Amino acid sequence: MGKKKETQGLLDQKTRLIGIAAAGHSVGCTHFSIMLLNYLAGYRRRRAALMEWNSTGDLERLEKVCTGMVRESSAYRVLEADYFKHAGPRELAMALGAGYDDILIDFGVLEEGDTAEFLRCEKQFVVASFSEWQQENLREFAMERERTEKESWQYLAVFGSDETRKEFWRRFGILSRRIPFSADAFSVTEECGIFFEKLV
């Protein structure tokens, strides 16, 4: 009886991996990742970290702006959340051993070798844009992954009309949710809070 309770406690403490990929460049993938991180850490009071599993260098630039310096260490803290710049398997293993409730992995534009890591995540979000000049990226993304198991993928977008969203649903089976606009990724508005509560 005591052993069962102990095991259940370990299961309850399991770290949740959340994968976030971009269907093209400059669609707001990192902005969304930071918004979700701050919702989980600041609003829900969960221990959360964000891994930069891409080569953009955005989290290093963020570190410089928020802390005034760039450290050699890949990890740093802003407000109530941890950030891992230039992350890979080593940093992920370290974070998994640190007892986080949630680890978000920002894959950026999904590279071929990262698909398996993305699929390993418990939740998978694809950030896209339905703006006219970025629709082709989303079309290509959908067609390239047509045979991939993607029922669990959730598509999200800030930009684009509802008419275009419906068209993508009809043609490609891509049903997307609109991410509430937020000028400040560190501030969780009431609208964002409601959106994230339903999402995660």
N, C-alpha and C. Protein backbone atom coordinates (compact mmCIF):
# COMPACT_ATOMS: atom_id res chain seq x y z
N MET A 1 0.83 -1.20 0.00
CA MET A 1 0.00 0.00 0.00
C MET A 1 0.88 1.26 0.00
N GLY A 2 1.87 1.31 0.91
CA GLY A 2 2.77 2.45 1.00
C GLY A 2 3.59 2.62 -0.27
N LYS A 3 3.99 1.45 -0.88
CA LYS A 3 4.79 1.47 -2.10
C LYS A 3 3.98 2.07 -3.25
N LYS A 4 2.70 1.70 -3.32
CA LYS A 4 1.82 2.20 -4.38
C LYS A 4 1.69 3.72 -4.29
N LYS A 5 1.52 4.21 -3.06
CA LYS A 5 1.39 5.65 -2.82
C LYS A 5 2.67 6.38 -3.25
N GLU A 6 3.83 5.76 -2.91
CA GLU A 6 5.13 6.32 -3.25
C GLU A 6 5.29 6.42 -4.77
N THR A 7 4.93 5.33 -5.47
CA THR A 7 5.02 5.28 -6.92
C THR A 7 4.10 6.32 -7.54
N GLN A 8 2.89 6.44 -7.00
CA GLN A 8 1.93 7.42 -7.51
C GLN A 8 2.49 8.83 -7.36
N GLY A 9 3.17 9.07 -6.24
CA GLY A 9 3.79 10.38 -6.01
C GLY A 9 4.83 10.70 -7.07
N LEU A 10 5.64 9.69 -7.45
CA LEU A 10 6.65 9.88 -8.50
C LEU A 10 6.00 10.17 -9.84
N LEU A 11 4.89 9.46 -10.12
CA LEU A 11 4.18 9.67 -11.37
C LEU A 11 3.60 11.08 -11.43
N ASP A 12 3.11 11.54 -10.31
CA ASP A 12 2.52 12.88 -10.24
C ASP A 12 3.57 13.97 -10.48
N GLN A 13 4.84 13.64 -10.13
CA GLN A 13 5.90 14.63 -10.25
C GLN A 13 6.57 14.63 -11.62
N LYS A 14 6.08 13.82 -12.54
CA LYS A 14 6.70 13.70 -13.86
C LYS A 14 6.74 15.05 -14.58
N THR A 15 7.90 15.34 -15.15
CA THR A 15 8.06 16.58 -15.91
C THR A 15 7.32 16.47 -17.23
N ARG A 16 6.59 17.51 -17.56
CA ARG A 16 5.86 17.54 -18.83
C ARG A 16 6.71 18.27 -19.87
N LEU A 17 6.94 17.62 -21.01
CA LEU A 17 7.68 18.24 -22.11
C LEU A 17 6.70 18.82 -23.11
N ILE A 18 6.90 20.08 -23.45
CA ILE A 18 6.03 20.77 -24.40
C ILE A 18 6.89 21.24 -25.58
N GLY A 19 6.63 20.69 -26.76
CA GLY A 19 7.39 21.04 -27.95
C GLY A 19 6.70 22.14 -28.74
N ILE A 20 7.48 23.13 -29.17
CA ILE A 20 6.93 24.25 -29.94
C ILE A 20 7.78 24.41 -31.20
N ALA A 21 7.15 24.28 -32.37
CA ALA A 21 7.87 24.39 -33.64
C ALA A 21 7.25 25.50 -34.47
N ALA A 22 8.03 26.01 -35.41
CA ALA A 22 7.55 27.09 -36.29
C ALA A 22 7.37 26.58 -37.70
N ALA A 23 6.25 26.92 -38.30
CA ALA A 23 6.01 26.58 -39.71
C ALA A 23 6.52 27.73 -40.56
N GLY A 24 7.82 28.00 -40.51
CA GLY A 24 8.41 29.11 -41.24
C GLY A 24 9.09 30.10 -40.30
N HIS A 25 9.90 30.96 -40.87
CA HIS A 25 10.64 31.95 -40.07
C HIS A 25 9.75 33.15 -39.73
N SER A 26 10.03 33.78 -38.60
CA SER A 26 9.37 35.02 -38.16
C SER A 26 7.86 34.90 -38.03
N VAL A 27 7.40 33.79 -37.46
CA VAL A 27 5.95 33.62 -37.25
C VAL A 27 5.55 33.84 -35.79
N GLY A 28 6.55 34.07 -34.91
CA GLY A 28 6.24 34.33 -33.51
C GLY A 28 6.41 33.14 -32.60
N CYS A 29 7.20 32.16 -33.00
CA CYS A 29 7.39 30.94 -32.22
C CYS A 29 8.03 31.23 -30.86
N THR A 30 9.10 32.02 -30.84
CA THR A 30 9.78 32.33 -29.58
C THR A 30 8.92 33.23 -28.70
N HIS A 31 8.23 34.18 -29.31
CA HIS A 31 7.32 35.06 -28.55
C HIS A 31 6.25 34.22 -27.86
N PHE A 32 5.66 33.28 -28.61
CA PHE A 32 4.65 32.39 -28.03
C PHE A 32 5.25 31.55 -26.91
N SER A 33 6.46 31.00 -27.13
CA SER A 33 7.12 30.16 -26.12
C SER A 33 7.31 30.92 -24.81
N ILE A 34 7.75 32.18 -24.91
CA ILE A 34 7.98 33.00 -23.71
C ILE A 34 6.66 33.34 -23.04
N MET A 35 5.62 33.62 -23.83
CA MET A 35 4.29 33.87 -23.26
C MET A 35 3.80 32.67 -22.46
N LEU A 36 3.91 31.47 -23.07
CA LEU A 36 3.45 30.25 -22.40
C LEU A 36 4.28 29.97 -21.15
N LEU A 37 5.60 30.17 -21.24
CA LEU A 37 6.48 29.97 -20.09
C LEU A 37 6.07 30.86 -18.93
N ASN A 38 5.81 32.13 -19.22
CA ASN A 38 5.44 33.07 -18.16
C ASN A 38 4.05 32.80 -17.61
N TYR A 39 3.17 32.26 -18.43
CA TYR A 39 1.86 31.83 -17.92
C TYR A 39 2.05 30.69 -16.92
N LEU A 40 2.84 29.69 -17.29
CA LEU A 40 3.03 28.52 -16.42
C LEU A 40 3.77 28.89 -15.14
N ALA A 41 4.85 29.68 -15.27
CA ALA A 41 5.68 30.02 -14.10
C ALA A 41 5.06 31.11 -13.23
N GLY A 42 4.60 32.19 -13.86
CA GLY A 42 4.10 33.33 -13.10
C GLY A 42 2.65 33.24 -12.70
N TYR A 43 1.83 32.72 -13.58
CA TYR A 43 0.38 32.70 -13.38
C TYR A 43 -0.06 31.41 -12.66
N ARG A 44 0.49 30.27 -13.13
CA ARG A 44 0.11 28.98 -12.54
C ARG A 44 1.05 28.55 -11.41
N ARG A 45 2.16 29.29 -11.20
CA ARG A 45 3.13 29.02 -10.14
C ARG A 45 3.78 27.63 -10.29
N ARG A 46 4.03 27.20 -11.51
CA ARG A 46 4.70 25.94 -11.77
C ARG A 46 6.19 26.20 -12.02
N ARG A 47 7.03 25.22 -11.71
CA ARG A 47 8.46 25.34 -12.02
C ARG A 47 8.60 25.06 -13.51
N ALA A 48 9.00 26.06 -14.26
CA ALA A 48 9.04 25.92 -15.72
C ALA A 48 10.33 26.48 -16.30
N ALA A 49 10.76 25.85 -17.40
CA ALA A 49 11.97 26.27 -18.09
C ALA A 49 11.73 26.24 -19.60
N LEU A 50 12.48 27.08 -20.30
CA LEU A 50 12.40 27.13 -21.76
C LEU A 50 13.76 26.79 -22.36
N MET A 51 13.78 25.80 -23.26
CA MET A 51 15.00 25.39 -23.96
C MET A 51 14.99 25.98 -25.37
N GLU A 52 16.08 26.61 -25.76
CA GLU A 52 16.23 27.11 -27.12
C GLU A 52 16.93 26.03 -27.94
N TRP A 53 16.15 25.19 -28.61
CA TRP A 53 16.67 24.05 -29.37
C TRP A 53 16.76 24.46 -30.84
N ASN A 54 17.37 25.60 -31.10
CA ASN A 54 17.51 26.11 -32.46
C ASN A 54 18.71 27.06 -32.48
N SER A 55 19.07 27.54 -33.65
CA SER A 55 20.29 28.33 -33.77
C SER A 55 20.04 29.84 -33.92
N THR A 56 18.87 30.31 -33.54
CA THR A 56 18.55 31.73 -33.73
C THR A 56 19.35 32.65 -32.82
N GLY A 57 19.68 32.18 -31.62
CA GLY A 57 20.38 33.03 -30.66
C GLY A 57 19.48 34.02 -29.95
N ASP A 58 18.16 33.86 -30.09
CA ASP A 58 17.21 34.79 -29.47
C ASP A 58 17.33 34.85 -27.95
N LEU A 59 17.54 33.70 -27.33
CA LEU A 59 17.60 33.69 -25.86
C LEU A 59 18.88 34.33 -25.33
N GLU A 60 19.95 34.31 -26.12
CA GLU A 60 21.16 35.02 -25.70
C GLU A 60 20.93 36.53 -25.75
N ARG A 61 20.24 36.99 -26.81
CA ARG A 61 19.93 38.42 -26.91
C ARG A 61 18.98 38.83 -25.78
N LEU A 62 18.03 37.95 -25.46
CA LEU A 62 17.10 38.22 -24.35
C LEU A 62 17.86 38.33 -23.03
N GLU A 63 18.83 37.44 -22.82
CA GLU A 63 19.64 37.48 -21.59
C GLU A 63 20.35 38.82 -21.46
N LYS A 64 20.91 39.29 -22.55
CA LYS A 64 21.65 40.56 -22.51
C LYS A 64 20.72 41.72 -22.15
N VAL A 65 19.53 41.74 -22.74
CA VAL A 65 18.57 42.81 -22.47
C VAL A 65 18.05 42.74 -21.04
N CYS A 66 17.71 41.53 -20.59
CA CYS A 66 17.08 41.39 -19.26
C CYS A 66 18.05 41.39 -18.09
N THR A 67 19.28 40.89 -18.30
CA THR A 67 20.22 40.81 -17.18
C THR A 67 21.40 41.77 -17.33
N GLY A 68 21.57 42.33 -18.51
CA GLY A 68 22.67 43.27 -18.74
C GLY A 68 23.99 42.60 -19.08
N MET A 69 23.98 41.27 -19.19
CA MET A 69 25.22 40.56 -19.53
C MET A 69 24.90 39.23 -20.21
N VAL A 70 25.94 38.62 -20.78
CA VAL A 70 25.81 37.29 -21.37
C VAL A 70 26.80 36.39 -20.66
N ARG A 71 26.29 35.41 -19.95
CA ARG A 71 27.15 34.49 -19.20
C ARG A 71 27.57 33.31 -20.07
N GLU A 72 28.62 32.63 -19.63
CA GLU A 72 29.07 31.43 -20.34
C GLU A 72 28.08 30.29 -20.15
N SER A 73 27.50 30.21 -18.96
CA SER A 73 26.51 29.17 -18.66
C SER A 73 25.32 29.29 -19.60
N SER A 74 24.75 28.16 -19.97
CA SER A 74 23.60 28.20 -20.88
C SER A 74 22.32 28.62 -20.16
N ALA A 75 22.28 28.45 -18.82
CA ALA A 75 21.05 28.72 -18.07
C ALA A 75 21.07 30.10 -17.41
N TYR A 76 19.92 30.74 -17.39
CA TYR A 76 19.75 31.99 -16.64
C TYR A 76 18.27 32.12 -16.26
N ARG A 77 18.00 33.07 -15.38
CA ARG A 77 16.65 33.24 -14.85
C ARG A 77 16.16 34.66 -15.11
N VAL A 78 14.90 34.76 -15.52
CA VAL A 78 14.22 36.05 -15.66
C VAL A 78 12.86 35.91 -14.99
N LEU A 79 12.59 36.82 -14.05
CA LEU A 79 11.37 36.75 -13.23
C LEU A 79 11.31 35.38 -12.57
N GLU A 80 10.29 34.58 -12.84
CA GLU A 80 10.15 33.31 -12.11
C GLU A 80 10.41 32.09 -12.99
N ALA A 81 11.05 32.29 -14.15
CA ALA A 81 11.26 31.18 -15.08
C ALA A 81 12.72 31.06 -15.48
N ASP A 82 13.13 29.86 -15.87
CA ASP A 82 14.50 29.59 -16.29
C ASP A 82 14.58 29.44 -17.81
N TYR A 83 15.69 29.92 -18.35
CA TYR A 83 15.93 29.90 -19.80
C TYR A 83 17.24 29.17 -20.06
N PHE A 84 17.26 28.31 -21.08
CA PHE A 84 18.47 27.61 -21.48
C PHE A 84 18.75 27.97 -22.94
N LYS A 85 19.76 28.82 -23.15
CA LYS A 85 20.12 29.22 -24.51
C LYS A 85 20.98 28.13 -25.15
N HIS A 86 20.97 28.06 -26.48
CA HIS A 86 21.80 27.09 -27.24
C HIS A 86 21.69 25.69 -26.63
N ALA A 87 20.49 25.23 -26.35
CA ALA A 87 20.29 23.97 -25.64
C ALA A 87 20.33 22.76 -26.59
N GLY A 88 20.62 21.63 -25.99
CA GLY A 88 20.65 20.36 -26.71
C GLY A 88 20.39 19.23 -25.72
N PRO A 89 20.73 18.00 -26.09
CA PRO A 89 20.46 16.85 -25.21
C PRO A 89 21.06 16.98 -23.80
N ARG A 90 22.27 17.56 -23.69
CA ARG A 90 22.91 17.69 -22.38
C ARG A 90 22.10 18.60 -21.45
N GLU A 91 21.69 19.74 -21.97
CA GLU A 91 20.91 20.70 -21.17
C GLU A 91 19.53 20.12 -20.82
N LEU A 92 18.95 19.38 -21.76
CA LEU A 92 17.65 18.77 -21.49
C LEU A 92 17.77 17.73 -20.37
N ALA A 93 18.81 16.90 -20.42
CA ALA A 93 19.03 15.89 -19.37
C ALA A 93 19.22 16.57 -18.01
N MET A 94 19.97 17.67 -18.01
CA MET A 94 20.20 18.42 -16.77
C MET A 94 18.87 18.97 -16.23
N ALA A 95 18.06 19.53 -17.11
CA ALA A 95 16.78 20.11 -16.70
C ALA A 95 15.82 19.03 -16.22
N LEU A 96 15.85 17.87 -16.87
CA LEU A 96 14.96 16.77 -16.45
C LEU A 96 15.30 16.29 -15.04
N GLY A 97 16.58 16.40 -14.68
CA GLY A 97 16.99 16.00 -13.34
C GLY A 97 16.77 17.07 -12.29
N ALA A 98 16.35 18.26 -12.73
CA ALA A 98 16.21 19.40 -11.80
C ALA A 98 14.80 19.52 -11.20
N GLY A 99 13.89 18.66 -11.60
CA GLY A 99 12.55 18.65 -10.99
C GLY A 99 11.59 19.71 -11.49
N TYR A 100 11.72 20.12 -12.74
CA TYR A 100 10.76 21.07 -13.31
C TYR A 100 9.40 20.40 -13.51
N ASP A 101 8.35 21.20 -13.37
CA ASP A 101 7.01 20.71 -13.71
C ASP A 101 6.84 20.67 -15.23
N ASP A 102 7.34 21.72 -15.89
CA ASP A 102 7.20 21.85 -17.34
C ASP A 102 8.52 22.29 -17.96
N ILE A 103 8.89 21.63 -19.05
CA ILE A 103 10.03 22.08 -19.87
C ILE A 103 9.50 22.32 -21.27
N LEU A 104 9.61 23.57 -21.70
CA LEU A 104 9.19 23.95 -23.05
C LEU A 104 10.42 23.91 -23.95
N ILE A 105 10.28 23.35 -25.14
CA ILE A 105 11.39 23.28 -26.09
C ILE A 105 10.99 24.05 -27.34
N ASP A 106 11.71 25.16 -27.57
CA ASP A 106 11.47 25.98 -28.75
C ASP A 106 12.38 25.46 -29.87
N PHE A 107 11.80 24.68 -30.78
CA PHE A 107 12.56 24.09 -31.87
C PHE A 107 12.79 25.07 -33.02
N GLY A 108 12.08 26.20 -33.02
CA GLY A 108 12.16 27.11 -34.15
C GLY A 108 11.64 26.38 -35.39
N VAL A 109 12.20 26.70 -36.56
CA VAL A 109 11.81 25.98 -37.78
C VAL A 109 12.33 24.55 -37.62
N LEU A 110 11.43 23.60 -37.66
CA LEU A 110 11.75 22.20 -37.36
C LEU A 110 12.72 21.62 -38.38
N GLU A 111 13.92 21.29 -37.91
CA GLU A 111 14.92 20.65 -38.77
C GLU A 111 14.63 19.16 -38.83
N GLU A 112 15.09 18.52 -39.90
CA GLU A 112 14.80 17.10 -40.11
C GLU A 112 15.20 16.24 -38.92
N GLY A 113 16.37 16.49 -38.36
CA GLY A 113 16.85 15.68 -37.24
C GLY A 113 16.13 15.91 -35.93
N ASP A 114 15.34 16.98 -35.84
CA ASP A 114 14.65 17.31 -34.58
C ASP A 114 13.23 16.77 -34.50
N THR A 115 12.73 16.22 -35.59
CA THR A 115 11.33 15.75 -35.61
C THR A 115 11.08 14.71 -34.54
N ALA A 116 12.02 13.76 -34.36
CA ALA A 116 11.85 12.71 -33.35
C ALA A 116 11.75 13.30 -31.95
N GLU A 117 12.59 14.31 -31.66
CA GLU A 117 12.53 14.98 -30.34
C GLU A 117 11.19 15.69 -30.16
N PHE A 118 10.73 16.34 -31.21
CA PHE A 118 9.45 17.05 -31.17
C PHE A 118 8.31 16.07 -30.89
N LEU A 119 8.35 14.91 -31.56
CA LEU A 119 7.29 13.91 -31.39
C LEU A 119 7.31 13.27 -30.01
N ARG A 120 8.47 13.31 -29.33
CA ARG A 120 8.57 12.75 -27.98
C ARG A 120 7.87 13.61 -26.94
N CYS A 121 7.63 14.87 -27.27
CA CYS A 121 7.00 15.78 -26.32
C CYS A 121 5.55 15.39 -26.07
N GLU A 122 5.11 15.61 -24.85
CA GLU A 122 3.74 15.27 -24.47
C GLU A 122 2.72 16.15 -25.20
N LYS A 123 3.07 17.42 -25.35
CA LYS A 123 2.23 18.35 -26.11
C LYS A 123 3.08 18.93 -27.22
N GLN A 124 2.45 19.10 -28.42
CA GLN A 124 3.17 19.61 -29.58
C GLN A 124 2.38 20.74 -30.22
N PHE A 125 3.02 21.92 -30.26
CA PHE A 125 2.38 23.09 -30.87
C PHE A 125 3.17 23.52 -32.09
N VAL A 126 2.46 23.84 -33.16
CA VAL A 126 3.08 24.38 -34.36
C VAL A 126 2.57 25.81 -34.52
N VAL A 127 3.49 26.78 -34.46
CA VAL A 127 3.12 28.19 -34.61
C VAL A 127 3.28 28.56 -36.08
N ALA A 128 2.21 29.10 -36.65
CA ALA A 128 2.20 29.42 -38.07
C ALA A 128 1.71 30.85 -38.27
N SER A 129 1.75 31.29 -39.51
CA SER A 129 1.17 32.58 -39.86
C SER A 129 0.34 32.39 -41.12
N PHE A 130 -0.84 32.98 -41.11
CA PHE A 130 -1.71 32.93 -42.28
C PHE A 130 -1.63 34.21 -43.10
N SER A 131 -0.60 35.03 -42.80
CA SER A 131 -0.38 36.23 -43.62
C SER A 131 -0.07 35.79 -45.05
N GLU A 132 -0.47 36.61 -46.00
CA GLU A 132 -0.34 36.24 -47.41
C GLU A 132 1.09 35.86 -47.80
N TRP A 133 2.09 36.57 -47.28
CA TRP A 133 3.47 36.30 -47.67
C TRP A 133 4.08 35.11 -46.93
N GLN A 134 3.33 34.52 -45.96
CA GLN A 134 3.87 33.37 -45.23
C GLN A 134 3.04 32.10 -45.42
N GLN A 135 1.95 32.20 -46.18
CA GLN A 135 1.09 31.03 -46.37
C GLN A 135 1.81 29.88 -47.07
N GLU A 136 2.72 30.21 -47.98
CA GLU A 136 3.45 29.18 -48.71
C GLU A 136 4.28 28.32 -47.76
N ASN A 137 4.88 28.95 -46.74
CA ASN A 137 5.65 28.19 -45.74
C ASN A 137 4.77 27.17 -45.04
N LEU A 138 3.56 27.58 -44.68
CA LEU A 138 2.64 26.68 -43.99
C LEU A 138 2.20 25.55 -44.91
N ARG A 139 1.93 25.88 -46.18
CA ARG A 139 1.56 24.86 -47.18
C ARG A 139 2.66 23.81 -47.30
N GLU A 140 3.90 24.28 -47.43
CA GLU A 140 5.04 23.36 -47.56
C GLU A 140 5.21 22.53 -46.30
N PHE A 141 5.07 23.15 -45.14
CA PHE A 141 5.19 22.46 -43.86
C PHE A 141 4.17 21.33 -43.79
N ALA A 142 2.93 21.63 -44.16
CA ALA A 142 1.85 20.64 -44.10
C ALA A 142 2.09 19.50 -45.09
N MET A 143 2.52 19.83 -46.30
CA MET A 143 2.73 18.81 -47.33
C MET A 143 3.92 17.91 -47.00
N GLU A 144 5.01 18.49 -46.47
CA GLU A 144 6.19 17.70 -46.09
C GLU A 144 5.87 16.69 -45.01
N ARG A 145 4.94 17.04 -44.14
CA ARG A 145 4.64 16.18 -43.00
C ARG A 145 3.30 15.46 -43.14
N GLU A 146 2.84 15.34 -44.38
CA GLU A 146 1.54 14.72 -44.63
C GLU A 146 1.45 13.30 -44.08
N ARG A 147 2.55 12.56 -44.16
CA ARG A 147 2.54 11.16 -43.72
C ARG A 147 2.94 11.00 -42.26
N THR A 148 3.37 12.08 -41.64
CA THR A 148 3.79 12.01 -40.23
C THR A 148 2.57 11.95 -39.33
N GLU A 149 2.71 11.19 -38.25
CA GLU A 149 1.63 11.11 -37.26
C GLU A 149 1.47 12.49 -36.64
N LYS A 150 0.38 13.19 -36.95
CA LYS A 150 0.28 14.56 -36.46
C LYS A 150 -1.09 14.91 -35.87
N GLU A 151 -1.84 13.88 -35.47
CA GLU A 151 -3.16 14.15 -34.86
C GLU A 151 -3.03 14.97 -33.58
N SER A 152 -1.91 14.77 -32.87
CA SER A 152 -1.75 15.46 -31.59
C SER A 152 -1.20 16.88 -31.75
N TRP A 153 -0.76 17.23 -32.97
CA TRP A 153 -0.20 18.56 -33.18
C TRP A 153 -1.31 19.61 -33.12
N GLN A 154 -1.05 20.69 -32.42
CA GLN A 154 -2.01 21.79 -32.38
C GLN A 154 -1.39 22.98 -33.11
N TYR A 155 -2.10 23.48 -34.11
CA TYR A 155 -1.63 24.63 -34.87
C TYR A 155 -2.16 25.91 -34.24
N LEU A 156 -1.29 26.92 -34.15
CA LEU A 156 -1.63 28.19 -33.53
C LEU A 156 -1.11 29.31 -34.42
N ALA A 157 -1.79 30.44 -34.43
CA ALA A 157 -1.34 31.58 -35.22
C ALA A 157 -1.87 32.89 -34.65
N VAL A 158 -1.07 33.94 -34.79
CA VAL A 158 -1.52 35.28 -34.40
C VAL A 158 -2.08 35.98 -35.63
N PHE A 159 -1.39 35.82 -36.76
CA PHE A 159 -1.71 36.61 -37.95
C PHE A 159 -2.52 35.83 -38.97
N GLY A 160 -3.35 36.57 -39.72
CA GLY A 160 -4.14 35.98 -40.80
C GLY A 160 -5.63 36.06 -40.51
N SER A 161 -6.40 36.05 -41.59
CA SER A 161 -7.86 36.19 -41.44
C SER A 161 -8.51 34.85 -41.11
N ASP A 162 -9.72 34.92 -40.55
CA ASP A 162 -10.47 33.71 -40.24
C ASP A 162 -10.85 32.97 -41.53
N GLU A 163 -11.05 33.71 -42.59
CA GLU A 163 -11.38 33.11 -43.89
C GLU A 163 -10.22 32.22 -44.37
N THR A 164 -9.00 32.72 -44.22
CA THR A 164 -7.82 31.95 -44.63
C THR A 164 -7.67 30.71 -43.75
N ARG A 165 -7.94 30.85 -42.48
CA ARG A 165 -7.89 29.69 -41.57
C ARG A 165 -8.85 28.59 -42.02
N LYS A 166 -10.06 29.01 -42.36
CA LYS A 166 -11.08 28.04 -42.82
C LYS A 166 -10.64 27.35 -44.10
N GLU A 167 -10.00 28.11 -44.98
CA GLU A 167 -9.51 27.57 -46.25
C GLU A 167 -8.44 26.50 -46.00
N PHE A 168 -7.54 26.77 -45.06
CA PHE A 168 -6.50 25.79 -44.73
C PHE A 168 -7.11 24.55 -44.08
N TRP A 169 -8.15 24.72 -43.32
CA TRP A 169 -8.84 23.58 -42.71
C TRP A 169 -9.46 22.72 -43.80
N ARG A 170 -10.10 23.36 -44.79
CA ARG A 170 -10.72 22.60 -45.89
C ARG A 170 -9.69 21.89 -46.75
N ARG A 171 -8.62 22.58 -47.12
CA ARG A 171 -7.65 22.03 -48.06
C ARG A 171 -6.62 21.09 -47.45
N PHE A 172 -6.15 21.41 -46.23
CA PHE A 172 -5.05 20.64 -45.65
C PHE A 172 -5.40 19.94 -44.35
N GLY A 173 -6.61 20.14 -43.86
CA GLY A 173 -6.99 19.52 -42.58
C GLY A 173 -6.29 20.19 -41.41
N ILE A 174 -5.82 21.43 -41.61
CA ILE A 174 -5.13 22.16 -40.53
C ILE A 174 -6.14 23.07 -39.83
N LEU A 175 -6.48 22.68 -38.63
CA LEU A 175 -7.37 23.50 -37.81
C LEU A 175 -6.49 24.28 -36.84
N SER A 176 -6.60 25.60 -36.86
CA SER A 176 -5.71 26.40 -36.00
C SER A 176 -6.50 27.26 -35.03
N ARG A 177 -5.84 27.56 -33.93
CA ARG A 177 -6.40 28.47 -32.93
C ARG A 177 -5.68 29.81 -33.03
N ARG A 178 -6.39 30.86 -32.74
CA ARG A 178 -5.79 32.19 -32.78
C ARG A 178 -5.15 32.50 -31.43
N ILE A 179 -3.85 32.81 -31.45
CA ILE A 179 -3.14 33.22 -30.24
C ILE A 179 -3.52 34.67 -29.95
N PRO A 180 -3.97 34.98 -28.75
CA PRO A 180 -4.29 36.38 -28.45
C PRO A 180 -3.05 37.25 -28.61
N PHE A 181 -3.21 38.41 -29.21
CA PHE A 181 -2.06 39.30 -29.40
C PHE A 181 -1.59 39.81 -28.05
N SER A 182 -0.27 39.79 -27.85
CA SER A 182 0.30 40.32 -26.62
C SER A 182 1.60 41.04 -26.98
N ALA A 183 1.64 42.35 -26.76
CA ALA A 183 2.83 43.13 -27.09
C ALA A 183 3.99 42.76 -26.18
N ASP A 184 3.69 42.33 -24.95
CA ASP A 184 4.72 41.98 -23.96
C ASP A 184 4.60 40.50 -23.63
N ALA A 185 5.59 39.72 -24.05
CA ALA A 185 5.56 38.27 -23.83
C ALA A 185 5.67 37.90 -22.35
N PHE A 186 6.12 38.84 -21.51
CA PHE A 186 6.30 38.56 -20.07
C PHE A 186 5.04 38.88 -19.26
N SER A 187 4.07 39.51 -19.88
CA SER A 187 2.86 39.92 -19.18
C SER A 187 1.69 39.03 -19.62
N VAL A 188 1.03 38.41 -18.66
CA VAL A 188 -0.10 37.54 -18.96
C VAL A 188 -1.40 38.30 -18.76
N THR A 189 -2.04 38.65 -19.88
CA THR A 189 -3.33 39.34 -19.80
C THR A 189 -4.42 38.34 -19.44
N GLU A 190 -5.59 38.84 -19.10
CA GLU A 190 -6.71 37.96 -18.77
C GLU A 190 -7.07 37.09 -19.98
N GLU A 191 -7.08 37.70 -21.17
CA GLU A 191 -7.39 36.96 -22.40
C GLU A 191 -6.39 35.84 -22.64
N CYS A 192 -5.09 36.13 -22.42
CA CYS A 192 -4.05 35.12 -22.58
C CYS A 192 -4.20 34.00 -21.55
N GLY A 193 -4.53 34.39 -20.32
CA GLY A 193 -4.72 33.40 -19.25
C GLY A 193 -5.81 32.41 -19.59
N ILE A 194 -6.93 32.90 -20.10
CA ILE A 194 -8.05 32.04 -20.49
C ILE A 194 -7.63 31.12 -21.65
N PHE A 195 -6.92 31.70 -22.63
CA PHE A 195 -6.46 30.93 -23.79
C PHE A 195 -5.53 29.80 -23.35
N PHE A 196 -4.52 30.12 -22.53
CA PHE A 196 -3.55 29.11 -22.11
C PHE A 196 -4.16 28.04 -21.20
N GLU A 197 -5.12 28.45 -20.39
CA GLU A 197 -5.78 27.47 -19.50
C GLU A 197 -6.44 26.38 -20.33
N LYS A 198 -7.07 26.74 -21.44
CA LYS A 198 -7.72 25.75 -22.31
C LYS A 198 -6.68 24.95 -23.10
N LEU A 199 -5.55 25.59 -23.39
CA LEU A 199 -4.53 24.99 -24.25
C LEU A 199 -3.71 23.92 -23.55
N VAL A 200 -3.32 24.20 -22.29
CA VAL A 200 -2.44 23.26 -21.57
C VAL A 200 -3.08 22.71 -20.30
